[in-house]
Amino acid sequence: KGDYISASATWSEFVRYRILPRHSDPVRNRKNLMFVVNTLFRKAAEQGNVHPVYIDELSRKIAIQIESCTTESQLSSMGMEMVRKYCLLVNNYSRSGYSKLIRDCLDYVDFHYMEPLTLTSLADQYYVSNTHLSALFKKEVNMNLKEYIQEVRLRQARFLLNTTKLPIQEIAANCGFMDVNYFTRVFRKVHGISPREYRKRIQKNDQEILEVMKRI
């Protein structure tokens, strides 16, 4: 359910159990246990109606992180981090409570946001009328389809601004905004600053953190 408080409490209980070792090497033994835990968290996220693509993306990153650990201490500290990340995954991507049509539409937008998307194109995709899809989407998602498409595109734009050095125009195109000026206007309207200013702030914050770390 994405309930971090309950999940973290359950995890705290779990780590107190004395589980017999399966391997003579304590680090390898703990890694094997964390791989099992990662699988259990995957299954829990599936029950939370998260799309398998999102689950696999997080699970893969965690598996790589587990294997890269070299001490039991590093592995022990990962448990609560995994709980937090999987709860965030469910909170951000769970399709629980939606009808099949709306679940399908949400998933389609999430994976095709870079393509031209309209109410008509989605209605045609699932063989329903514009009126029916529009009313049902608004009722279940509490925003219209156009607003959701824009939200998904801006979310991806923020991610690219945070993690890449791609030009603003290329980021706009990668996120489904064919006109960079329109992208800038929409971004400024929602976030109060331009994409370029947003990136500068992120870079400034990163630099300040590095300076603090150097002084420690």
Protein backbone atom coordinates (compact mmCIF):
# COMPACT_ATOMS: atom_id res chain seq x y z
CA LYS A 1 0.00 0.00 0.00
CA GLY A 2 3.02 2.30 0.11
CA ASP A 3 2.58 2.72 3.89
CA TYR A 4 6.16 3.56 4.89
CA ILE A 5 5.47 3.74 8.64
CA SER A 6 3.92 0.27 8.80
CA ALA A 7 6.44 -1.21 6.38
CA SER A 8 9.44 0.17 8.29
CA ALA A 9 8.00 -1.15 11.58
CA THR A 10 7.57 -4.60 10.03
CA TRP A 11 11.12 -4.47 8.66
CA SER A 12 12.45 -3.61 12.14
CA GLU A 13 10.69 -6.72 13.49
CA PHE A 14 12.04 -8.87 10.67
CA VAL A 15 15.71 -7.97 11.24
CA ARG A 16 15.43 -9.18 14.86
CA TYR A 17 14.72 -12.75 13.73
CA ARG A 18 17.66 -15.13 13.89
CA ILE A 19 17.77 -16.59 10.38
CA LEU A 20 20.22 -19.48 10.04
CA PRO A 21 23.06 -18.79 7.57
CA ARG A 22 23.04 -20.38 4.11
CA HIS A 23 26.68 -19.59 3.31
CA SER A 24 29.95 -19.70 5.27
CA ASP A 25 30.99 -16.25 4.03
CA PRO A 26 28.98 -13.74 6.15
CA VAL A 27 28.99 -11.06 3.42
CA ARG A 28 27.84 -13.52 0.76
CA ASN A 29 25.24 -14.85 3.15
CA ARG A 30 23.84 -11.35 3.80
CA LYS A 31 23.85 -10.56 0.07
CA ASN A 32 21.82 -13.69 -0.64
CA LEU A 33 19.32 -12.69 2.05
CA MET A 34 18.98 -9.17 0.61
CA PHE A 35 18.36 -10.61 -2.87
CA VAL A 36 15.49 -12.65 -1.38
CA VAL A 37 14.16 -9.52 0.35
CA ASN A 38 14.37 -7.59 -2.93
CA THR A 39 12.24 -10.29 -4.57
CA LEU A 40 9.67 -10.13 -1.76
CA PHE A 41 9.46 -6.34 -2.15
CA ARG A 42 8.98 -6.78 -5.89
CA LYS A 43 6.03 -9.09 -5.28
CA ALA A 44 4.53 -6.63 -2.78
CA ALA A 45 4.80 -3.81 -5.35
CA GLU A 46 3.08 -6.05 -7.92
CA GLN A 47 0.22 -6.54 -5.47
CA GLY A 48 0.12 -2.74 -5.20
CA ASN A 49 -0.68 -2.65 -8.95
CA VAL A 50 2.59 -1.04 -10.03
CA HIS A 51 3.50 -1.66 -13.67
CA PRO A 52 6.21 -4.38 -14.00
CA VAL A 53 8.49 -2.03 -15.96
CA TYR A 54 8.77 0.35 -13.00
CA ILE A 55 9.26 -2.53 -10.58
CA ASP A 56 12.02 -4.07 -12.67
CA GLU A 57 13.82 -0.75 -13.03
CA LEU A 58 14.04 -0.29 -9.25
CA SER A 59 14.72 -3.97 -8.54
CA ARG A 60 17.61 -4.03 -11.02
CA LYS A 61 19.25 -0.95 -9.48
CA ILE A 62 18.93 -2.40 -5.98
CA ALA A 63 20.34 -5.79 -7.09
CA ILE A 64 23.41 -4.05 -8.54
CA GLN A 65 23.79 -2.04 -5.33
CA ILE A 66 23.55 -5.20 -3.20
CA GLU A 67 26.22 -6.97 -5.22
CA SER A 68 28.55 -3.96 -5.01
CA CYS A 69 28.53 -3.96 -1.19
CA THR A 70 31.68 -5.29 0.49
CA THR A 71 30.70 -5.34 4.18
CA GLU A 72 27.82 -6.60 6.31
CA SER A 73 27.35 -3.07 7.64
CA GLN A 74 26.70 -1.70 4.15
CA LEU A 75 24.18 -4.44 3.47
CA SER A 76 22.42 -3.94 6.81
CA SER A 77 21.90 -0.25 6.13
CA MET A 78 20.26 -1.03 2.79
CA GLY A 79 17.17 -2.63 4.32
CA MET A 80 15.38 0.52 5.40
CA GLU A 81 16.46 2.28 2.20
CA MET A 82 14.81 -0.50 0.18
CA VAL A 83 11.61 -0.17 2.23
CA ARG A 84 11.55 3.58 1.56
CA LYS A 85 12.19 3.24 -2.19
CA TYR A 86 9.57 0.54 -2.73
CA CYS A 87 7.00 2.52 -0.73
CA LEU A 88 7.74 5.57 -2.89
CA LEU A 89 7.35 3.39 -5.98
CA VAL A 90 3.88 2.26 -4.89
CA ASN A 91 2.85 5.78 -3.88
CA ASN A 92 3.97 7.23 -7.21
CA TYR A 93 2.96 4.48 -9.64
CA SER A 94 0.23 2.32 -8.09
CA ARG A 95 -2.84 1.87 -10.29
CA SER A 96 -5.02 0.59 -7.44
CA GLY A 97 -8.50 2.02 -7.42
CA TYR A 98 -8.62 2.74 -11.15
CA SER A 99 -10.77 0.97 -13.70
CA LYS A 100 -8.98 -1.11 -16.35
CA LEU A 101 -9.56 1.53 -19.01
CA ILE A 102 -7.98 4.28 -16.92
CA ARG A 103 -5.11 2.02 -15.84
CA ASP A 104 -4.40 1.29 -19.48
CA CYS A 105 -4.54 4.99 -20.38
CA LEU A 106 -2.22 5.98 -17.54
CA ASP A 107 0.30 3.32 -18.50
CA TYR A 108 0.08 4.28 -22.17
CA VAL A 109 0.79 7.94 -21.41
CA ASP A 110 3.64 7.02 -19.06
CA PHE A 111 5.38 5.02 -21.79
CA HIS A 112 4.48 7.16 -24.83
CA TYR A 113 4.70 10.70 -23.44
CA MET A 114 7.24 11.65 -26.13
CA GLU A 115 4.68 10.98 -28.87
CA PRO A 116 1.76 13.21 -29.94
CA LEU A 117 -1.08 12.35 -27.53
CA THR A 118 -4.66 13.63 -27.52
CA LEU A 119 -7.98 12.66 -26.04
CA THR A 120 -9.08 11.44 -29.48
CA SER A 121 -5.98 9.30 -30.03
CA LEU A 122 -6.40 7.61 -26.62
CA ALA A 123 -10.14 7.11 -27.15
CA ASP A 124 -9.45 5.52 -30.54
CA GLN A 125 -6.71 3.35 -28.99
CA TYR A 126 -9.21 1.78 -26.57
CA TYR A 127 -12.34 1.94 -28.75
CA VAL A 128 -14.35 4.31 -26.56
CA SER A 129 -15.89 7.71 -27.19
CA ASN A 130 -14.10 10.95 -26.37
CA THR A 131 -16.93 11.91 -24.03
CA HIS A 132 -16.82 8.65 -22.07
CA LEU A 133 -13.02 8.65 -21.69
CA SER A 134 -12.92 12.32 -20.73
CA ALA A 135 -15.59 11.97 -18.05
CA LEU A 136 -14.17 8.74 -16.59
CA PHE A 137 -10.59 10.06 -16.56
CA LYS A 138 -11.63 13.25 -14.78
CA LYS A 139 -13.69 11.27 -12.25
CA GLU A 140 -10.94 8.76 -11.36
CA VAL A 141 -7.76 10.84 -11.71
CA ASN A 142 -9.12 14.22 -10.55
CA MET A 143 -7.59 15.98 -13.56
CA ASN A 144 -8.28 15.90 -17.26
CA LEU A 145 -6.22 13.86 -19.70
CA LYS A 146 -4.40 16.90 -21.11
CA GLU A 147 -3.29 17.92 -17.62
CA TYR A 148 -2.02 14.41 -16.88
CA ILE A 149 -0.05 14.24 -20.12
CA GLN A 150 1.55 17.58 -19.28
CA GLU A 151 2.37 16.41 -15.74
CA VAL A 152 4.11 13.28 -17.02
CA ARG A 153 6.10 15.25 -19.60
CA LEU A 154 7.21 17.82 -17.04
CA ARG A 155 8.20 15.07 -14.60
CA GLN A 156 10.47 13.54 -17.23
CA ALA A 157 11.83 16.98 -18.15
CA ARG A 158 12.79 17.62 -14.52
CA PHE A 159 14.54 14.26 -14.41
CA LEU A 160 16.57 15.06 -17.53
CA LEU A 161 17.41 18.55 -16.28
CA ASN A 162 18.65 16.99 -13.04
CA THR A 163 20.64 14.11 -14.48
CA THR A 164 21.91 15.11 -17.94
CA LYS A 165 23.62 17.96 -19.79
CA LEU A 166 21.29 17.72 -22.78
CA PRO A 167 20.36 21.05 -24.39
CA ILE A 168 16.98 22.45 -23.34
CA GLN A 169 15.62 22.09 -26.87
CA GLU A 170 16.57 18.40 -26.95
CA ILE A 171 15.00 17.78 -23.54
CA ALA A 172 11.79 19.45 -24.74
CA ALA A 173 11.67 17.20 -27.83
CA ASN A 174 12.46 14.07 -25.78
CA CYS A 175 9.53 14.87 -23.50
CA GLY A 176 6.94 15.42 -26.21
CA PHE A 177 7.19 19.23 -26.51
CA MET A 178 7.85 19.95 -30.15
CA ASP A 179 8.14 23.72 -29.54
CA VAL A 180 10.86 24.66 -27.04
CA ASN A 181 9.27 28.07 -26.44
CA TYR A 182 5.99 26.41 -25.50
CA PHE A 183 7.88 24.01 -23.22
CA THR A 184 9.57 26.95 -21.49
CA ARG A 185 6.24 28.75 -21.00
CA VAL A 186 4.57 25.65 -19.54
CA PHE A 187 7.54 24.89 -17.29
CA ARG A 188 7.65 28.48 -15.99
CA LYS A 189 3.89 28.52 -15.39
CA VAL A 190 4.06 25.34 -13.28
CA HIS A 191 7.41 25.86 -11.49
CA GLY A 192 7.77 29.63 -11.46
CA ILE A 193 11.16 29.55 -13.21
CA SER A 194 12.45 28.58 -16.65
CA PRO A 195 14.04 25.16 -17.34
CA ARG A 196 17.43 26.85 -17.65
CA GLU A 197 17.05 28.57 -14.28
CA TYR A 198 15.86 25.30 -12.74
CA ARG A 199 19.00 23.51 -13.95
CA LYS A 200 21.25 26.31 -12.64
CA ARG A 201 19.69 26.03 -9.19
CA ILE A 202 20.23 22.26 -9.16
CA GLN A 203 23.85 22.70 -10.20
CA LYS A 204 24.38 25.39 -7.56
CA ASN A 205 22.90 23.17 -4.85
CA ASP A 206 25.13 20.26 -5.94
CA GLN A 207 28.19 22.50 -5.83
CA GLU A 208 27.32 23.76 -2.35
CA ILE A 209 26.98 20.17 -1.12
CA LEU A 210 30.41 19.32 -2.57
CA GLU A 211 31.97 22.31 -0.83
CA VAL A 212 30.47 21.22 2.49
CA MET A 213 31.75 17.67 1.98
CA LYS A 214 35.27 18.98 1.32
CA ARG A 215 35.26 20.78 4.66
CA ILE A 216 34.19 17.69 6.63
